[in-house]
């Protein structure tokens, strides 16, 4: 390990009102994170998470954020206080497997061009434990219309893990549920975009890393088991709003010049269809969430375009080489 870092690997769990998850899953993280320092960053919880940590895990470093600024800025704030060569951004609702840290760190040590990586994500619940998990499965990609998908998961269709994705592979984005990040690269691209709050911030982050010439990898020798929906349930209108809003921001910030207008026009049409589908199913709040997301996009387009200029000014590679 370089003497420039206080610790080699920091496993950082960002917690918000997740006392039960800490109680259930922190023991597996502590027991199996050999070679790493485990840190809990509390995002201004209103439950007894902080008291629980102080009573039951007094030897684990606890960072307390002054307010809940979401996943993105919450991690930015916490990681600014940590001196490590590698960060591992880990959701509180994850059970980790044995020896889950070092297989990924060894690969990143060997190849300095790897800036971020993820383990294999499988579902936590016993009846689904052999299935890939929605939030990342075996590695993330993005289609020509800007919709994210994963090896092992396309939309809501989840595959059973039969070893079909057991080779290391370069991917487009690593899941924010369990993302290994080279700390220097994290700082180089400015960390996560705090305006995303939650959802798709890891895709935006990985895209910017790729524009700097870094690689994102899936390294399935490591496996974790994810509950999912711990902070926002899958059928939450708030989640619908963030997904649609952040996807627009993601695309305008990072799409190639020759694709951005065409893709956005397609997405406006497809989002309208999605809104009508929600309406026909009686999911009125989700339809309103899509409309609200579009209004955010229209009213903040100037700010988003400024972010795009910032990304373009930093990028070493052409947009067209990365999508």
Protein backbone atom coordinates (compact mmCIF):
# COMPACT_ATOMS: atom_id res chain seq x y z
CA UNK A 1 0.00 0.00 0.00
CA UNK A 2 1.22 3.48 -0.83
CA UNK A 3 2.29 5.53 2.19
CA UNK A 4 0.14 8.35 0.84
CA UNK A 5 -3.02 6.68 2.19
CA UNK A 6 -4.04 6.04 5.78
CA UNK A 7 -5.83 2.84 4.79
CA UNK A 8 -5.92 0.78 1.60
CA UNK A 9 -9.64 -0.08 1.43
CA UNK A 10 -12.53 1.72 3.16
CA UNK A 11 -15.91 -0.03 3.02
CA UNK A 12 -18.36 2.82 3.54
CA UNK A 13 -22.02 2.14 4.34
CA UNK A 14 -24.25 5.18 3.88
CA UNK A 15 -27.17 4.79 6.27
CA UNK A 16 -30.45 6.64 6.48
CA UNK A 17 -33.02 5.31 8.95
CA UNK A 18 -31.63 1.83 8.40
CA UNK A 19 -31.10 0.69 11.96
CA UNK A 20 -32.68 -2.71 11.22
CA UNK A 21 -30.45 -3.23 8.19
CA UNK A 22 -27.38 -2.36 10.25
CA UNK A 23 -28.45 -4.86 12.88
CA UNK A 24 -29.06 -7.58 10.29
CA UNK A 25 -26.21 -7.06 7.83
CA UNK A 26 -23.35 -5.21 9.49
CA UNK A 27 -22.13 -8.43 11.21
CA UNK A 28 -21.52 -10.08 7.82
CA UNK A 29 -19.69 -7.00 6.54
CA UNK A 30 -17.44 -6.83 9.61
CA UNK A 31 -16.72 -10.57 9.56
CA UNK A 32 -15.99 -10.84 5.85
CA UNK A 33 -14.26 -7.56 4.98
CA UNK A 34 -10.76 -8.78 5.71
CA UNK A 35 -8.14 -6.24 4.73
CA UNK A 36 -10.56 -3.31 4.81
CA UNK A 37 -11.75 -0.70 7.29
CA UNK A 38 -15.52 -0.65 7.73
CA UNK A 39 -17.04 2.81 8.17
CA UNK A 40 -20.68 3.83 8.63
CA UNK A 41 -21.74 7.27 7.40
CA UNK A 42 -25.10 8.31 8.80
CA UNK A 43 -27.13 10.64 6.57
CA UNK A 44 -28.96 12.49 9.37
CA UNK A 45 -31.20 9.57 10.35
CA UNK A 46 -34.26 10.23 12.47
CA UNK A 47 -34.35 6.69 13.89
CA UNK A 48 -31.93 5.29 16.48
CA UNK A 49 -29.22 4.28 14.00
CA UNK A 50 -26.55 6.46 15.58
CA UNK A 51 -27.35 5.27 19.10
CA UNK A 52 -27.30 1.66 17.87
CA UNK A 53 -23.85 2.11 16.31
CA UNK A 54 -22.42 3.80 19.40
CA UNK A 55 -23.75 1.10 21.70
CA UNK A 56 -23.05 -2.03 19.65
CA UNK A 57 -20.17 -1.01 17.35
CA UNK A 58 -18.13 1.57 19.28
CA UNK A 59 -14.94 0.56 17.44
CA UNK A 60 -16.37 1.24 13.97
CA UNK A 61 -15.76 4.72 12.69
CA UNK A 62 -19.01 6.68 12.47
CA UNK A 63 -19.31 9.74 10.24
CA UNK A 64 -22.42 11.85 10.80
CA UNK A 65 -23.62 14.04 7.94
CA UNK A 66 -25.38 17.22 9.09
CA UNK A 67 -28.35 16.66 6.78
CA UNK A 68 -29.82 14.07 4.45
CA UNK A 69 -28.55 15.11 1.02
CA UNK A 70 -29.35 11.75 -0.59
CA UNK A 71 -27.09 8.99 -1.78
CA UNK A 72 -24.99 11.14 -4.11
CA UNK A 73 -24.06 14.13 -1.98
CA UNK A 74 -24.22 12.03 1.17
CA UNK A 75 -21.38 9.90 -0.15
CA UNK A 76 -19.49 12.95 -1.44
CA UNK A 77 -19.59 14.46 2.04
CA UNK A 78 -18.56 11.25 3.80
CA UNK A 79 -15.79 10.23 1.40
CA UNK A 80 -14.22 13.69 1.68
CA UNK A 81 -13.35 12.73 5.27
CA UNK A 82 -11.77 9.37 4.43
CA UNK A 83 -8.14 8.85 3.42
CA UNK A 84 -8.04 5.57 1.51
CA UNK A 85 -6.70 4.22 -1.77
CA UNK A 86 -10.02 2.54 -2.56
CA UNK A 87 -13.58 3.32 -1.53
CA UNK A 88 -16.29 0.65 -1.46
CA UNK A 89 -19.76 2.21 -1.57
CA UNK A 90 -21.98 -0.40 0.05
CA UNK A 91 -25.73 -0.26 0.68
CA UNK A 92 -26.87 -1.04 4.21
CA UNK A 93 -29.26 -3.77 2.97
CA UNK A 94 -26.55 -6.10 1.66
CA UNK A 95 -25.19 -9.36 3.04
CA UNK A 96 -21.67 -9.90 1.77
CA UNK A 97 -20.09 -13.24 0.92
CA UNK A 98 -16.79 -14.55 2.23
CA UNK A 99 -13.67 -12.95 0.79
CA UNK A 100 -15.72 -10.45 -1.20
CA UNK A 101 -13.28 -7.52 -1.01
CA UNK A 102 -9.84 -8.74 -2.08
CA UNK A 103 -10.67 -10.43 -5.43
CA UNK A 104 -11.79 -7.05 -6.75
CA UNK A 105 -8.98 -5.06 -5.12
CA UNK A 106 -6.39 -7.50 -6.55
CA UNK A 107 -7.72 -6.91 -10.06
CA UNK A 108 -7.72 -3.14 -9.58
CA UNK A 109 -4.17 -3.28 -8.19
CA UNK A 110 -3.04 -5.18 -11.29
CA UNK A 111 -4.74 -2.83 -13.76
CA UNK A 112 -4.51 0.85 -12.87
CA UNK A 113 -6.92 1.73 -15.69
CA UNK A 114 -9.80 0.17 -13.71
CA UNK A 115 -11.45 3.05 -11.85
CA UNK A 116 -14.61 1.27 -10.65
CA UNK A 117 -15.84 -2.29 -10.33
CA UNK A 118 -18.67 -4.31 -8.89
CA UNK A 119 -19.17 -7.81 -7.53
CA UNK A 120 -21.93 -10.12 -8.67
CA UNK A 121 -25.24 -9.02 -7.12
CA UNK A 122 -27.76 -11.71 -6.25
CA UNK A 123 -31.07 -11.49 -4.43
CA UNK A 124 -31.05 -11.85 -0.66
CA UNK A 125 -34.32 -13.65 0.02
CA UNK A 126 -34.07 -17.47 0.23
CA UNK A 127 -36.62 -18.16 -2.53
CA UNK A 128 -34.71 -15.86 -4.92
CA UNK A 129 -31.16 -16.34 -3.70
CA UNK A 130 -29.96 -17.94 -6.94
CA UNK A 131 -31.36 -15.12 -9.06
CA UNK A 132 -29.52 -11.98 -10.06
CA UNK A 133 -30.62 -8.85 -8.24
CA UNK A 134 -32.21 -5.90 -9.99
CA UNK A 135 -29.82 -3.17 -8.84
CA UNK A 136 -26.74 -4.43 -10.65
CA UNK A 137 -26.84 -8.17 -11.41
CA UNK A 138 -23.60 -9.01 -13.27
CA UNK A 139 -22.81 -5.54 -14.57
CA UNK A 140 -24.56 -2.54 -16.09
CA UNK A 141 -24.95 -1.31 -19.66
CA UNK A 142 -27.08 1.29 -21.44
CA UNK A 143 -29.03 0.88 -24.68
CA UNK A 144 -29.23 3.27 -27.64
CA UNK A 145 -32.26 5.03 -26.14
CA UNK A 146 -30.52 5.60 -22.81
CA UNK A 147 -32.27 2.86 -20.82
CA UNK A 148 -30.00 1.10 -18.32
CA UNK A 149 -29.94 -2.71 -18.17
CA UNK A 150 -27.68 -5.40 -16.75
CA UNK A 151 -26.23 -8.75 -17.61
CA UNK A 152 -28.70 -10.99 -15.84
CA UNK A 153 -31.47 -8.38 -15.72
CA UNK A 154 -33.36 -6.64 -18.52
CA UNK A 155 -36.17 -4.42 -17.23
CA UNK A 156 -37.91 -6.62 -14.62
CA UNK A 157 -36.75 -9.97 -16.03
CA UNK A 158 -34.20 -11.57 -13.72
CA UNK A 159 -32.09 -14.57 -14.71
CA UNK A 160 -31.03 -17.45 -12.48
CA UNK A 161 -27.30 -17.45 -11.88
CA UNK A 162 -25.98 -20.62 -13.50
CA UNK A 163 -22.44 -19.33 -13.86
CA UNK A 164 -23.15 -17.80 -17.27
CA UNK A 165 -21.54 -14.50 -16.28
CA UNK A 166 -18.64 -15.78 -14.18
CA UNK A 167 -15.89 -14.17 -16.25
CA UNK A 168 -14.46 -10.72 -15.60
CA UNK A 169 -15.86 -8.26 -18.12
CA UNK A 170 -15.64 -4.59 -18.90
CA UNK A 171 -19.07 -3.00 -18.41
CA UNK A 172 -20.58 0.45 -18.84
CA UNK A 173 -21.60 1.11 -15.24
CA UNK A 174 -21.12 -0.50 -11.85
CA UNK A 175 -23.95 -0.76 -9.37
CA UNK A 176 -24.04 1.88 -6.66
CA UNK A 177 -25.28 -0.80 -4.28
CA UNK A 178 -21.76 -2.27 -4.08
CA UNK A 179 -19.29 -0.18 -6.06
CA UNK A 180 -15.51 -0.33 -5.67
CA UNK A 181 -13.89 2.98 -6.67
CA UNK A 182 -10.30 4.14 -7.00
CA UNK A 183 -10.26 7.20 -4.72
CA UNK A 184 -7.97 9.28 -6.95
CA UNK A 185 -10.28 8.69 -9.94
CA UNK A 186 -13.31 9.58 -7.80
CA UNK A 187 -11.76 12.95 -7.03
CA UNK A 188 -10.48 13.44 -10.58
CA UNK A 189 -14.00 13.49 -12.06
CA UNK A 190 -15.53 15.43 -9.18
CA UNK A 191 -17.26 12.57 -7.40
CA UNK A 192 -20.97 11.92 -7.71
CA UNK A 193 -23.38 14.56 -9.01
CA UNK A 194 -25.14 15.69 -5.86
CA UNK A 195 -28.13 17.04 -7.79
CA UNK A 196 -29.15 13.47 -8.65
CA UNK A 197 -29.96 12.88 -4.95
CA UNK A 198 -30.49 9.15 -5.63
CA UNK A 199 -30.86 6.81 -8.64
CA UNK A 200 -28.63 6.73 -11.73
CA UNK A 201 -25.90 8.81 -10.12
CA UNK A 202 -23.59 5.82 -10.42
CA UNK A 203 -24.28 5.58 -14.18
CA UNK A 204 -23.46 9.26 -14.64
CA UNK A 205 -20.32 8.80 -12.52
CA UNK A 206 -19.14 5.75 -14.48
CA UNK A 207 -19.84 7.46 -17.79
CA UNK A 208 -17.62 10.36 -16.77
CA UNK A 209 -14.90 7.91 -15.73
CA UNK A 210 -15.09 6.27 -19.14
CA UNK A 211 -14.75 9.66 -20.81
CA UNK A 212 -11.50 10.02 -18.89
CA UNK A 213 -10.27 6.74 -20.38
CA UNK A 214 -10.87 4.51 -17.34
CA UNK A 215 -12.43 1.05 -17.35
CA UNK A 216 -15.42 -0.16 -15.33
CA UNK A 217 -15.42 -3.87 -14.53
CA UNK A 218 -17.66 -6.67 -13.32
CA UNK A 219 -15.59 -9.09 -11.20
CA UNK A 220 -17.88 -12.00 -10.25
CA UNK A 221 -15.38 -13.85 -8.03
CA UNK A 222 -16.97 -11.62 -5.39
CA UNK A 223 -20.68 -12.04 -4.57
CA UNK A 224 -23.07 -10.01 -2.43
CA UNK A 225 -26.76 -10.48 -1.65
CA UNK A 226 -29.01 -7.43 -1.88
CA UNK A 227 -32.47 -6.88 -0.37
CA UNK A 228 -33.23 -3.88 -2.61
CA UNK A 229 -35.72 -1.04 -2.12
CA UNK A 230 -34.41 -0.36 1.36
CA UNK A 231 -34.77 3.41 1.17
CA UNK A 232 -37.38 3.86 -1.55
CA UNK A 233 -39.66 0.93 -2.40
CA UNK A 234 -39.88 -0.13 -6.03
CA UNK A 235 -43.46 1.11 -6.43
CA UNK A 236 -42.72 4.55 -4.97
CA UNK A 237 -43.81 7.57 -7.05
CA UNK A 238 -40.79 9.39 -5.63
CA UNK A 239 -38.59 6.67 -7.13
CA UNK A 240 -40.40 7.01 -10.48
CA UNK A 241 -39.78 10.76 -10.43
CA UNK A 242 -36.07 10.43 -9.64
CA UNK A 243 -35.53 7.74 -12.26
CA UNK A 244 -37.16 9.71 -15.08
CA UNK A 245 -35.68 13.06 -14.00
CA UNK A 246 -32.16 11.76 -13.52
CA UNK A 247 -32.18 9.79 -16.75
CA UNK A 248 -32.80 12.97 -18.72
CA UNK A 249 -29.97 14.75 -16.88
CA UNK A 250 -27.68 11.78 -17.42
CA UNK A 251 -28.29 11.73 -21.16
CA UNK A 252 -27.95 15.47 -21.76
CA UNK A 253 -24.73 15.58 -19.74
CA UNK A 254 -23.01 12.67 -21.44
CA UNK A 255 -24.49 11.74 -24.82
CA UNK A 256 -22.43 12.22 -28.01
CA UNK A 257 -23.14 15.47 -29.82
CA UNK A 258 -24.61 13.66 -32.82
CA UNK A 259 -27.02 11.66 -30.67
CA UNK A 260 -28.30 13.90 -27.90
CA UNK A 261 -31.21 15.66 -29.66
CA UNK A 262 -32.41 12.50 -31.41
CA UNK A 263 -32.35 10.38 -28.25
CA UNK A 264 -34.06 13.04 -26.11
CA UNK A 265 -36.87 13.36 -28.67
CA UNK A 266 -37.33 9.59 -28.69
CA UNK A 267 -37.40 9.55 -24.91
CA UNK A 268 -40.02 12.27 -24.68
CA UNK A 269 -42.31 10.09 -26.82
CA UNK A 270 -41.49 6.89 -24.93
CA UNK A 271 -41.98 8.60 -21.57
CA UNK A 272 -45.39 9.78 -22.75
CA UNK A 273 -46.30 6.19 -23.55
CA UNK A 274 -45.05 5.09 -20.13
CA UNK A 275 -47.19 7.77 -18.50
CA UNK A 276 -50.29 6.60 -20.37
CA UNK A 277 -49.57 3.02 -19.33
CA UNK A 278 -49.35 4.02 -15.67
CA UNK A 279 -52.60 5.97 -16.10
CA UNK A 280 -54.39 2.97 -17.62
CA UNK A 281 -53.26 0.87 -14.66
CA UNK A 282 -54.57 3.38 -12.15
CA UNK A 283 -51.09 4.45 -11.04
CA UNK A 284 -51.92 8.14 -11.12
CA UNK A 285 -49.06 9.19 -8.86
CA UNK A 286 -46.52 7.61 -11.20
CA UNK A 287 -48.02 9.43 -14.19
CA UNK A 288 -47.80 12.70 -12.29
CA UNK A 289 -44.20 11.83 -11.34
CA UNK A 290 -43.26 11.54 -15.03
CA UNK A 291 -44.90 14.90 -15.81
CA UNK A 292 -43.09 16.45 -12.85
CA UNK A 293 -39.77 14.99 -14.06
CA UNK A 294 -40.30 16.51 -17.51
CA UNK A 295 -41.04 19.93 -16.04
CA UNK A 296 -37.85 19.70 -14.00
CA UNK A 297 -35.96 18.92 -17.20
CA UNK A 298 -37.45 21.89 -19.07
CA UNK A 299 -36.89 24.37 -16.25
CA UNK A 300 -33.34 23.21 -15.47
CA UNK A 301 -32.11 22.62 -19.02
CA UNK A 302 -29.73 25.58 -18.83
CA UNK A 303 -28.06 24.20 -15.71
CA UNK A 304 -27.83 20.72 -17.20
CA UNK A 305 -26.21 22.11 -20.36
CA UNK A 306 -23.63 23.88 -18.20
CA UNK A 307 -22.84 20.56 -16.58
CA UNK A 308 -22.44 19.06 -20.05
CA UNK A 309 -19.91 21.77 -20.92
CA UNK A 310 -17.99 20.91 -17.76
CA UNK A 311 -17.91 17.22 -18.63
CA UNK A 312 -16.82 17.98 -22.20
CA UNK A 313 -14.04 20.30 -21.02
CA UNK A 314 -12.61 17.59 -18.74
CA UNK A 315 -12.98 14.63 -21.08
CA UNK A 316 -9.92 13.15 -22.72
CA UNK A 317 -11.97 11.15 -25.21
CA UNK A 318 -14.70 11.92 -27.74
CA UNK A 319 -18.28 11.41 -26.57
CA UNK A 320 -18.85 9.16 -29.57
CA UNK A 321 -16.35 6.58 -28.34
CA UNK A 322 -18.30 5.83 -25.20
CA UNK A 323 -21.91 5.22 -26.20
